Every structure is written in structure tokens, then in C-alpha cells.
Protein backbone atom coordinates (compact mmCIF):
# COMPACT_ATOMS: atom_id res chain seq x y z
CA MET A 1 -10.97 -24.98 9.11
CA PRO A 2 -9.10 -22.00 10.60
CA PRO A 3 -5.34 -22.68 10.85
CA LEU A 4 -5.50 -21.96 14.59
CA LEU A 5 -7.95 -24.84 15.23
CA ALA A 6 -6.70 -27.38 12.71
CA PRO A 7 -3.82 -28.74 14.83
CA LEU A 8 -6.18 -29.27 17.79
CA LEU A 9 -8.47 -31.70 15.96
CA SER A 10 -7.60 -35.24 14.95
CA ARG A 11 -8.86 -36.89 11.77
CA ASP A 12 -11.52 -38.73 13.80
CA HIS A 13 -12.79 -35.47 15.28
CA LEU A 14 -12.90 -33.85 11.84
CA GLU A 15 -14.80 -36.81 10.38
CA THR A 16 -17.30 -36.73 13.26
CA LEU A 17 -17.79 -33.02 12.70
CA ARG A 18 -18.27 -33.54 8.95
CA GLN A 19 -20.84 -36.28 9.45
CA GLY A 20 -22.71 -34.14 11.93
CA LEU A 21 -22.88 -31.30 9.43
CA VAL A 22 -24.11 -33.61 6.68
CA ARG A 23 -26.93 -34.91 8.94
CA MET A 24 -28.17 -31.45 9.93
CA PRO A 25 -31.80 -31.18 8.79
CA ASN A 26 -32.18 -27.40 8.69
CA LEU A 27 -29.24 -26.19 6.66
CA PRO A 28 -29.82 -22.69 5.32
CA PRO A 29 -30.36 -22.49 1.57
CA ALA A 30 -27.47 -21.45 -0.62
CA PRO A 31 -27.38 -17.69 -1.11
CA ARG A 32 -28.92 -16.49 -4.36
CA LEU A 33 -29.20 -13.16 -6.11
CA THR A 34 -32.72 -11.79 -6.00
CA ALA A 35 -34.46 -9.38 -8.36
CA ALA A 36 -33.87 -6.62 -5.79
CA ASP A 37 -30.12 -7.38 -5.91
CA TRP A 38 -30.08 -7.13 -9.71
CA MET A 39 -32.09 -3.90 -9.64
CA GLY A 40 -29.71 -2.42 -7.07
CA ALA A 41 -26.73 -3.37 -9.21
CA LEU A 42 -28.39 -1.82 -12.26
CA GLY A 43 -29.09 1.35 -10.29
CA VAL A 44 -25.46 1.65 -9.20
CA PHE A 45 -24.27 1.01 -12.76
CA LEU A 46 -26.57 3.69 -14.17
CA LEU A 47 -25.58 6.17 -11.46
CA VAL A 48 -21.88 5.72 -12.20
CA PHE A 49 -22.31 5.60 -15.98
CA LEU A 50 -24.60 8.60 -16.27
CA SER A 51 -22.50 10.73 -13.93
CA THR A 52 -19.25 10.05 -15.78
CA PHE A 53 -20.38 9.79 -19.41
CA PRO A 54 -20.75 13.57 -19.93
CA LEU A 55 -17.09 13.92 -19.00
CA VAL A 56 -16.10 11.41 -21.70
CA VAL A 57 -18.10 13.03 -24.51
CA PRO A 58 -15.45 15.66 -25.41
CA PHE A 59 -12.91 12.87 -25.96
CA LEU A 60 -15.33 11.22 -28.37
CA LEU A 61 -15.96 14.44 -30.32
CA PHE A 62 -12.53 16.06 -30.54
CA THR A 63 -9.23 14.65 -31.75
CA GLU A 64 -7.15 17.26 -29.94
CA VAL A 65 -6.63 15.78 -26.50
CA ARG A 66 -5.79 19.05 -24.69
CA LEU A 67 -9.02 20.69 -25.91
CA ALA A 68 -11.05 17.60 -24.98
CA LEU A 69 -9.47 17.56 -21.52
CA ARG A 70 -10.26 21.23 -20.87
CA LEU A 71 -13.85 20.79 -22.10
CA SER A 72 -14.19 17.73 -19.87
CA ASN A 73 -12.96 19.82 -16.92
CA LEU A 74 -15.47 22.55 -17.79
CA ILE A 75 -18.32 20.04 -17.95
CA ALA A 76 -17.25 18.59 -14.61
CA ILE A 77 -17.25 22.04 -13.00
CA VAL A 78 -20.69 22.86 -14.41
CA LEU A 79 -22.01 19.54 -13.12
CA LEU A 80 -20.50 20.29 -9.72
CA PHE A 81 -22.34 23.62 -9.61
CA VAL A 82 -25.64 22.03 -10.66
CA ASN A 83 -25.28 19.22 -8.13
CA GLY A 84 -24.34 21.64 -5.35
CA TYR A 85 -27.27 23.88 -6.23
CA VAL A 86 -29.77 21.00 -6.24
CA LEU A 87 -28.33 19.50 -3.05
CA ALA A 88 -28.59 22.83 -1.22
CA HIS A 89 -32.09 23.44 -2.53
CA HIS A 90 -33.29 20.10 -1.15
CA SER A 91 -31.42 20.34 2.14
CA GLY A 92 -32.32 23.90 3.07
CA TYR A 93 -28.95 25.55 2.44
CA ARG A 94 -28.22 28.50 0.17
CA PRO A 95 -28.23 27.03 -3.35
CA PHE A 96 -25.99 29.56 -5.09
CA ARG A 97 -23.41 29.58 -2.30
CA THR A 98 -23.29 25.79 -2.14
CA GLY A 99 -23.00 25.52 -5.93
CA LEU A 100 -20.19 28.05 -5.89
CA THR A 101 -18.44 26.17 -3.10
CA MET A 102 -18.62 23.00 -5.16
CA VAL A 103 -17.20 24.89 -8.17
CA LEU A 104 -14.31 26.20 -6.07
CA LEU A 105 -13.61 22.69 -4.85
CA GLY A 106 -13.66 21.45 -8.45
CA LEU A 107 -11.34 24.24 -9.59
CA LEU A 108 -8.94 23.37 -6.79
CA LEU A 109 -8.95 19.71 -7.84
CA VAL A 110 -8.38 20.66 -11.50
CA ALA A 111 -5.52 22.98 -10.50
CA ILE A 112 -3.90 20.21 -8.45
CA THR A 113 -4.30 17.79 -11.36
CA MET A 114 -2.76 20.27 -13.80
CA ALA A 115 0.12 20.96 -11.41
CA LEU A 116 0.81 17.22 -11.29
CA GLY A 117 0.92 17.04 -15.09
CA GLY A 118 -2.69 16.18 -15.94
């Protein structure tokens, strides 16, 4: 019961309301997860995992953290170019220019991160 309405109803009114709800014949079924819900969740998981895993690989292969970080940045920038290129190709823009714009955006983000100590 919302706090705004609770003081307006007496115990008798609340009991009458409860009994009326219990007697309702067409209550909607309890919500359940369907196969489509599970497939959507799996799709989101795979999208996030597969797009971030290449950036983690250098940290798994190299013990020197600074080298792994720079390689991870390089992989991220290459992926940005590829994604920009493919996006532009499918949407009718100039692929190379869009890929380069994405790279410049990535370089800007890396520069900001490095300036902040990352």
C-alpha cells in the first residue's frame, strides 16, 4: 500500500480489499522467464564478453602491466577502426573516414585516460 493512501484506509477497508483481491477469478499469471528472454540475455552476454575479451588478452599474456596496457589500448583502437569502417559501409557513409574518426575518438579517450594517470 502506498504510504500516501495507507492512513486513509481503516483495517476493515483493507480487509475488504484483500478479500476482494483473493476472490478475483481472472488474476494474471505470475511473470516467468521465457526461452526468448534467456536467448536475449545470452545474446547480451556474448556481445559484451566478445567485445571486451580482446582487450583483456594482453593482460593474460604479459606480466609487464604497462606493456599489456598499451597493447590493450592498441587493440581497442584497431577495433574502433574496424567497427567504424563496417558501420559506415552498412550505413552508406565513407568507411575510411568514419573508421579514422572512430580512431581519433579512441586516441582522445586514451590520452585523457593517460593524463588522469591510467
